Amino acid sequence: MFKKYYIFLIIFTFFNCLSSNKYKVFQTNENLTSLIKETDFLFIQYGFNNDNDILIKLKINIEKLDKLTENNKQLKAKALGFSAQLAYVQKSESILKKIIEEIKALNKNEEKLFIIESDLLTDTNEKIKILNNGLKKADTNNFIKLNLAMNYFNIGNFKKSVELFDESFIGLQDNIKTLYKNTRNLAYHFIKNPLKNKDIIEKISLKFINYADLIDIIKSETNILIKLFNNEQKSTEEYYKMLLDEKYIYKPNTSIYDLITKKDSAYLFFNFIMKIENNPMLAEKYKFKYNPDEYNIEVYAKETSLIKDVPANKYFYNAALILIEKEIMNLDDGNNFFPDSYVTGIQIYDSIQKISSYIK
């Protein structure tokens, strides 16, 4: 009797351990998938906002991925792909080259390998060749399609860009699709409404733009400046001086070649709207008010703000809220404005087209 019970106990323990191990593997795979998706999103979010806090999160995630993928070559290659992306954004060339060779040794068809190799090139047509090769060979290709869509946009092939955006969106997570939705819609807009000056796509495609670029885009594609200053076309330098003299630009010591942050574009665009609508009362709508005898100004400004990362006493707070209300600008993640991030040419073009619609 004791012998039978002992055998039963061994069998029960064996199957219980097997079941437990299966659960642990499933749980690990589930955690790994979630971590990969989060890391993919963080890299793309960093590309839009250049927020150093995102880099800290990325380093933590990559360390976790290294441990979780130790016993799987393909997954290890993917984890190394993230390490390569980090080395690329940090401009660590020697480390990047070493990681690329490690990825190739593990899996020559890793999707991130083709993306990184294309990123290292400066010629857009050469980038497209690398990515199209990856489209045929890579294990997965949703991010390759996304990168191709952006590159075709940059050379003005908007039809191909829209096709690739739509194909990639089928397999991409919603938070990534949200970040690229405006660019996809702009490409579609350009198919139906061609740019007045095709050469301006070079400036619209810039990752960071300065005031000279912004004025060139406005001059090329809208009548905003003519409306504001009641005149014929001026040179880029003349318009810049007029914007500075009439305090459309917040900082008086700004240079025409300074890169534009989101907070300063908000201040500029708000002044455009206020002048176009002839409504100076807009400046009072969300103006910061407090009693210095009752509140600590910094604490009160944070507590009363309607934007998570912009205290209510900042010079651009009222401007940002008005533009968000009018859907001229937005909160990229639904909560944060990322005021210190640099604006892209696409963001500028999207905003000025919306502002232009207010001109009667």
Protein backbone atom coordinates (compact mmCIF):
# COMPACT_ATOMS: atom_id res chain seq x y z
CA MET A 1 0.00 0.00 0.00
CA PHE A 2 2.80 2.37 0.96
CA LYS A 3 4.66 1.48 -2.25
CA LYS A 4 1.62 2.37 -4.45
CA TYR A 5 1.17 5.66 -2.62
CA TYR A 6 4.84 6.47 -3.09
CA ILE A 7 4.64 5.82 -6.88
CA PHE A 8 1.51 7.98 -7.12
CA LEU A 9 3.26 10.79 -5.26
CA ILE A 10 6.23 10.68 -7.67
CA ILE A 11 3.94 10.78 -10.74
CA PHE A 12 1.85 13.60 -9.27
CA THR A 13 4.95 15.64 -8.41
CA PHE A 14 6.41 15.10 -11.90
CA PHE A 15 3.29 16.32 -13.72
CA ASN A 16 2.85 19.16 -11.24
CA CYS A 17 6.42 20.37 -11.93
CA LEU A 18 5.88 19.98 -15.67
CA SER A 19 2.71 22.02 -15.48
CA SER A 20 4.45 24.65 -13.33
CA ASN A 21 7.37 24.91 -15.77
CA LYS A 22 5.00 25.32 -18.69
CA TYR A 23 3.28 28.14 -16.83
CA LYS A 24 6.63 29.79 -16.11
CA VAL A 25 7.64 29.54 -19.80
CA PHE A 26 4.28 30.98 -20.87
CA GLN A 27 4.61 33.76 -18.30
CA THR A 28 8.16 34.54 -19.45
CA ASN A 29 7.12 34.63 -23.11
CA GLU A 30 4.19 36.89 -22.24
CA ASN A 31 6.50 39.23 -20.29
CA LEU A 32 9.05 39.16 -23.12
CA THR A 33 6.47 40.08 -25.76
CA SER A 34 5.20 42.94 -23.63
CA LEU A 35 8.74 44.18 -22.99
CA ILE A 36 9.63 44.07 -26.71
CA LYS A 37 6.49 46.05 -27.62
CA GLU A 38 7.21 48.63 -24.92
CA THR A 39 10.84 49.02 -26.06
CA ASP A 40 9.81 49.40 -29.71
CA PHE A 41 7.42 52.18 -28.71
CA LEU A 42 9.99 53.94 -26.50
CA PHE A 43 12.53 54.12 -29.34
CA ILE A 44 9.96 55.64 -31.68
CA GLN A 45 8.75 58.02 -28.97
CA TYR A 46 12.35 59.12 -28.38
CA GLY A 47 12.69 59.84 -32.10
CA PHE A 48 9.78 62.26 -31.80
CA ASN A 49 10.63 63.89 -28.46
CA ASN A 50 14.36 63.38 -27.68
CA ASP A 51 13.46 63.09 -24.01
CA ASN A 52 16.43 61.83 -21.93
CA ASP A 53 14.06 60.16 -19.45
CA ILE A 54 13.08 57.81 -22.29
CA LEU A 55 16.74 56.82 -22.76
CA ILE A 56 16.92 55.82 -19.08
CA LYS A 57 13.83 53.58 -19.50
CA LEU A 58 15.33 52.09 -22.66
CA LYS A 59 18.56 51.12 -20.89
CA ILE A 60 16.58 49.36 -18.15
CA ASN A 61 14.44 47.49 -20.69
CA ILE A 62 17.45 46.40 -22.75
CA GLU A 63 19.15 44.98 -19.64
CA LYS A 64 16.00 42.94 -18.92
CA LEU A 65 15.81 41.76 -22.53
CA ASP A 66 19.45 40.60 -22.43
CA LYS A 67 18.64 38.30 -19.50
CA LEU A 68 15.35 37.00 -20.90
CA THR A 69 16.81 36.08 -24.31
CA GLU A 70 20.02 34.30 -23.28
CA ASN A 71 18.96 30.85 -24.57
CA ASN A 72 17.33 31.80 -27.88
CA LYS A 73 19.44 32.98 -30.84
CA GLN A 74 16.66 34.76 -32.73
CA LEU A 75 15.37 36.58 -29.67
CA LYS A 76 18.92 37.42 -28.62
CA ALA A 77 19.48 38.97 -32.06
CA LYS A 78 16.35 41.08 -31.54
CA ALA A 79 17.57 42.18 -28.10
CA LEU A 80 20.93 43.11 -29.63
CA GLY A 81 18.99 45.07 -32.26
CA PHE A 82 17.67 47.27 -29.46
CA SER A 83 21.23 47.67 -28.12
CA ALA A 84 22.33 48.73 -31.61
CA GLN A 85 19.51 51.28 -31.82
CA LEU A 86 20.60 52.71 -28.47
CA ALA A 87 24.22 52.92 -29.61
CA TYR A 88 23.04 54.67 -32.78
CA VAL A 89 21.05 57.39 -30.99
CA GLN A 90 23.95 57.88 -28.56
CA LYS A 91 26.39 58.12 -31.51
CA SER A 92 28.59 55.28 -30.14
CA GLU A 93 30.00 54.17 -33.51
CA SER A 94 32.57 51.63 -32.29
CA ILE A 95 30.02 49.91 -30.05
CA LEU A 96 27.44 49.96 -32.86
CA LYS A 97 29.77 48.22 -35.35
CA LYS A 98 30.55 45.49 -32.80
CA ILE A 99 26.85 44.89 -32.08
CA ILE A 100 26.00 44.70 -35.79
CA GLU A 101 28.54 41.88 -36.23
CA GLU A 102 27.09 40.07 -33.20
CA ILE A 103 23.58 40.29 -34.68
CA LYS A 104 24.79 38.93 -38.04
CA ALA A 105 26.43 35.97 -36.28
CA LEU A 106 23.12 35.11 -34.60
CA ASN A 107 20.54 35.94 -37.28
CA LYS A 108 21.29 37.64 -40.61
CA ASN A 109 17.55 38.09 -41.18
CA GLU A 110 16.83 40.11 -38.02
CA GLU A 111 14.56 43.01 -39.01
CA LYS A 112 16.41 45.60 -36.91
CA LEU A 113 19.66 44.82 -38.72
CA PHE A 114 18.28 46.20 -42.02
CA ILE A 115 16.82 49.26 -40.28
CA ILE A 116 20.07 50.09 -38.49
CA GLU A 117 22.15 49.62 -41.66
CA SER A 118 19.79 51.97 -43.53
CA ASP A 119 19.98 54.54 -40.71
CA LEU A 120 23.76 54.68 -41.12
CA LEU A 121 23.40 55.89 -44.73
CA THR A 122 22.78 59.52 -45.73
CA ASP A 123 21.37 59.01 -49.23
CA THR A 124 17.62 58.32 -49.09
CA ASN A 125 17.61 56.18 -52.24
CA GLU A 126 20.36 53.99 -50.78
CA LYS A 127 18.36 53.67 -47.55
CA ILE A 128 15.37 52.50 -49.60
CA LYS A 129 17.51 49.83 -51.34
CA ILE A 130 18.64 48.37 -48.00
CA LEU A 131 15.09 48.40 -46.61
CA ASN A 132 13.59 46.81 -49.74
CA ASN A 133 16.19 44.05 -49.42
CA GLY A 134 15.07 43.61 -45.81
CA LEU A 135 11.46 43.47 -46.94
CA LYS A 136 12.30 40.24 -48.83
CA LYS A 137 14.66 38.66 -46.31
CA ALA A 138 13.74 39.75 -42.77
CA ASP A 139 11.88 37.43 -40.37
CA THR A 140 9.37 40.22 -39.70
CA ASN A 141 8.90 43.44 -41.65
CA ASN A 142 6.32 45.80 -40.10
CA PHE A 143 9.00 48.25 -38.92
CA ILE A 144 10.84 47.97 -42.24
CA LYS A 145 7.59 48.97 -43.99
CA LEU A 146 7.20 51.88 -41.55
CA ASN A 147 10.74 53.11 -42.27
CA LEU A 148 10.21 52.71 -46.01
CA ALA A 149 6.98 54.73 -45.76
CA MET A 150 8.93 57.58 -44.14
CA ASN A 151 11.72 57.42 -46.73
CA TYR A 152 9.28 57.45 -49.65
CA PHE A 153 7.57 60.43 -48.00
CA ASN A 154 10.94 62.21 -47.82
CA ILE A 155 11.51 61.89 -51.58
CA GLY A 156 7.95 62.92 -52.42
CA ASN A 157 6.60 59.51 -53.47
CA PHE A 158 3.43 59.98 -51.46
CA LYS A 159 1.38 57.20 -53.09
CA LYS A 160 3.99 54.58 -52.19
CA SER A 161 4.33 56.13 -48.73
CA VAL A 162 0.60 55.78 -48.01
CA GLU A 163 0.58 52.16 -49.25
CA LEU A 164 3.43 51.23 -46.92
CA PHE A 165 2.00 53.11 -43.95
CA ASP A 166 -1.29 51.25 -44.38
CA GLU A 167 0.45 47.88 -44.70
CA SER A 168 2.61 48.47 -41.62
CA PHE A 169 -0.34 49.73 -39.54
CA ILE A 170 -2.02 46.30 -39.86
CA GLY A 171 0.66 44.73 -37.66
CA LEU A 172 1.77 47.64 -35.45
CA GLN A 173 0.51 48.47 -31.97
CA ASP A 174 -1.90 51.40 -31.60
CA ASN A 175 0.46 53.75 -29.71
CA ILE A 176 2.98 53.57 -32.59
CA LYS A 177 0.31 54.06 -35.24
CA THR A 178 -0.89 57.17 -33.39
CA LEU A 179 2.55 58.80 -33.68
CA TYR A 180 2.69 58.25 -37.46
CA LYS A 181 -0.96 58.90 -38.27
CA ASN A 182 -0.42 62.60 -39.10
CA THR A 183 2.44 61.84 -41.48
CA ARG A 184 0.38 59.18 -43.24
CA ASN A 185 -2.55 61.58 -43.55
CA LEU A 186 -0.25 64.32 -44.86
CA ALA A 187 1.07 61.96 -47.54
CA TYR A 188 -2.51 61.23 -48.56
CA HIS A 189 -3.25 64.98 -48.52
CA PHE A 190 -0.29 65.61 -50.88
CA ILE A 191 -1.66 63.03 -53.34
CA LYS A 192 -4.96 64.91 -53.55
CA ASN A 193 -3.47 68.40 -53.08
CA PRO A 194 0.05 68.57 -54.52
CA LEU A 195 2.56 70.91 -52.90
CA LYS A 196 2.79 74.33 -54.56
CA ASN A 197 6.57 73.97 -54.54
CA LYS A 198 7.78 70.35 -54.82
CA ASP A 199 11.26 71.30 -53.60
CA ILE A 200 9.85 72.33 -50.21
CA ILE A 201 9.45 68.62 -49.30
CA GLU A 202 13.15 68.70 -48.41
CA LYS A 203 12.40 71.12 -45.56
CA ILE A 204 9.12 69.47 -44.56
CA SER A 205 11.08 66.21 -44.17
CA LEU A 206 13.66 67.70 -41.77
CA LYS A 207 13.84 66.10 -38.33
CA PHE A 208 14.66 69.47 -36.74
CA ILE A 209 13.97 72.86 -38.28
CA ASN A 210 15.05 76.43 -37.61
CA TYR A 211 13.18 79.72 -38.08
CA ALA A 212 14.52 80.15 -41.62
CA ASP A 213 13.12 76.72 -42.59
CA LEU A 214 9.78 77.51 -40.95
CA ILE A 215 9.42 80.83 -42.79
CA ASP A 216 10.34 79.16 -46.10
CA ILE A 217 7.62 76.51 -45.59
CA ILE A 218 5.03 79.17 -44.66
CA LYS A 219 5.97 81.35 -47.66
CA SER A 220 5.85 78.42 -50.05
CA GLU A 221 2.57 76.82 -49.00
CA THR A 222 0.36 79.46 -47.30
CA ASN A 223 -0.58 83.16 -47.24
CA ILE A 224 -0.17 83.47 -43.46
CA LEU A 225 2.68 86.01 -43.53
CA ILE A 226 1.03 88.17 -46.19
CA LYS A 227 -2.13 88.19 -44.05
CA LEU A 228 -0.23 89.11 -40.88
CA PHE A 229 1.80 91.93 -42.39
CA ASN A 230 -0.51 93.14 -45.19
CA ASN A 231 2.23 93.07 -47.81
CA GLU A 232 3.70 91.36 -50.83
CA GLN A 233 6.18 88.54 -50.42
CA LYS A 234 9.35 89.49 -48.48
CA SER A 235 12.62 87.66 -48.16
CA THR A 236 13.05 85.04 -45.43
CA GLU A 237 15.39 87.37 -43.50
CA GLU A 238 12.98 90.31 -43.74
CA TYR A 239 10.07 88.24 -42.47
CA TYR A 240 12.18 86.93 -39.59
CA LYS A 241 13.07 90.48 -38.53
CA MET A 242 9.39 91.48 -38.67
CA LEU A 243 8.37 88.51 -36.52
CA LEU A 244 11.07 89.36 -34.00
CA ASP A 245 10.31 93.11 -33.93
CA GLU A 246 6.59 92.55 -33.43
CA LYS A 247 7.20 90.00 -30.64
CA TYR A 248 5.73 86.96 -32.37
CA ILE A 249 8.89 85.24 -31.15
CA TYR A 250 9.27 85.09 -27.36
CA LYS A 251 13.05 85.35 -26.93
CA PRO A 252 14.49 88.63 -28.31
CA ASN A 253 18.02 87.18 -28.69
CA THR A 254 16.84 84.30 -30.90
CA SER A 255 18.76 83.66 -34.14
CA ILE A 256 17.11 82.84 -37.48
CA TYR A 257 19.11 79.59 -37.45
CA ASP A 258 18.10 78.48 -33.96
CA LEU A 259 16.25 75.15 -33.86
CA ILE A 260 12.62 75.54 -32.83
CA THR A 261 11.27 73.81 -29.73
CA LYS A 262 7.65 72.84 -29.26
CA LYS A 263 7.13 75.54 -26.62
CA ASP A 264 8.44 78.31 -28.88
CA SER A 265 6.45 77.12 -31.88
CA ALA A 266 3.35 77.19 -29.63
CA TYR A 267 4.06 80.79 -28.65
CA LEU A 268 4.60 81.78 -32.30
CA PHE A 269 1.54 79.96 -33.65
CA PHE A 270 -0.68 81.30 -30.89
CA ASN A 271 0.27 84.84 -31.91
CA PHE A 272 -0.57 83.96 -35.51
CA ILE A 273 -4.05 82.79 -34.48
CA MET A 274 -4.69 85.76 -32.19
CA LYS A 275 -3.82 88.18 -35.01
CA ILE A 276 -5.75 86.28 -37.71
CA GLU A 277 -8.86 86.07 -35.51
CA ASN A 278 -8.32 89.64 -34.28
CA ASN A 279 -9.05 88.39 -30.76
CA PRO A 280 -6.59 89.75 -28.13
CA MET A 281 -8.78 88.28 -25.36
CA LEU A 282 -7.37 84.84 -26.22
CA ALA A 283 -4.27 85.91 -24.27
CA GLU A 284 -6.37 86.01 -21.08
CA LYS A 285 -8.19 82.68 -21.41
CA TYR A 286 -5.75 80.49 -19.43
CA LYS A 287 -3.57 83.25 -18.00
CA PHE A 288 -1.97 82.20 -14.71
CA LYS A 289 -3.48 83.88 -11.65
CA TYR A 290 -2.62 83.29 -8.01
CA ASN A 291 -2.50 84.96 -4.60
CA PRO A 292 1.15 85.14 -3.41
CA ASP A 293 0.02 85.41 0.21
CA GLU A 294 -1.82 82.09 0.08
CA TYR A 295 0.15 79.83 -2.29
CA ASN A 296 3.66 78.76 -3.18
CA ILE A 297 3.85 79.83 -6.83
CA GLU A 298 5.67 76.75 -8.18
CA VAL A 299 3.49 74.25 -6.32
CA TYR A 300 0.31 76.08 -7.29
CA ALA A 301 1.39 76.33 -10.94
CA LYS A 302 1.89 72.55 -11.12
CA GLU A 303 -1.30 71.69 -9.23
CA THR A 304 -3.54 73.90 -11.36
CA SER A 305 -2.03 73.04 -14.75
CA LEU A 306 -4.18 71.20 -17.30
CA ILE A 307 -1.03 69.84 -19.01
CA LYS A 308 0.99 67.27 -17.07
CA ASP A 309 4.48 68.53 -17.97
CA VAL A 310 3.76 72.28 -18.28
CA PRO A 311 3.24 74.34 -15.09
CA ALA A 312 0.52 76.99 -15.47
CA ASN A 313 2.98 79.87 -14.96
CA LYS A 314 5.09 79.10 -18.05
CA TYR A 315 5.06 81.76 -20.79
CA PHE A 316 3.70 79.31 -23.38
CA TYR A 317 1.04 77.62 -21.18
CA ASN A 318 -1.93 79.67 -22.40
CA ALA A 319 -0.70 79.38 -26.00
CA ALA A 320 -0.33 75.59 -25.79
CA LEU A 321 -3.82 75.11 -24.36
CA ILE A 322 -5.46 77.31 -27.00
CA LEU A 323 -3.66 75.44 -29.81
CA ILE A 324 -4.57 72.05 -28.32
CA GLU A 325 -8.21 73.14 -28.08
CA LYS A 326 -8.15 74.20 -31.74
CA GLU A 327 -6.37 70.93 -32.69
CA ILE A 328 -3.47 72.87 -34.20
CA MET A 329 -1.04 71.12 -31.83
CA ASN A 330 -1.48 68.05 -29.64
CA LEU A 331 -0.30 66.02 -26.67
CA ASP A 332 1.72 63.23 -28.26
CA ASP A 333 0.92 60.66 -25.57
CA GLY A 334 -2.37 62.18 -24.45
CA ASN A 335 -0.88 63.75 -21.30
CA ASN A 336 2.44 65.47 -22.01
CA PHE A 337 3.32 68.38 -24.29
CA PHE A 338 7.11 67.71 -24.33
CA PRO A 339 7.83 71.47 -24.48
CA ASP A 340 11.61 71.19 -24.90
CA SER A 341 11.53 68.72 -27.79
CA TYR A 342 12.43 70.10 -31.20
CA VAL A 343 9.65 70.25 -33.79
CA THR A 344 9.91 68.44 -37.11
CA GLY A 345 9.13 69.85 -40.53
CA ILE A 346 6.08 67.58 -40.74
CA GLN A 347 4.72 68.94 -37.44
CA ILE A 348 5.28 72.51 -38.62
CA TYR A 349 3.59 71.92 -41.97
CA ASP A 350 0.61 70.22 -40.29
CA SER A 351 0.17 73.15 -37.87
CA ILE A 352 0.50 75.93 -40.45
CA GLN A 353 -2.03 74.26 -42.73
CA LYS A 354 -4.52 74.24 -39.86
CA ILE A 355 -3.72 77.88 -39.01
CA SER A 356 -4.14 78.79 -42.68
CA SER A 357 -7.71 77.43 -42.58
CA TYR A 358 -8.60 80.29 -40.18
CA ILE A 359 -7.80 82.92 -42.85
CA LYS A 360 -11.02 84.20 -44.41
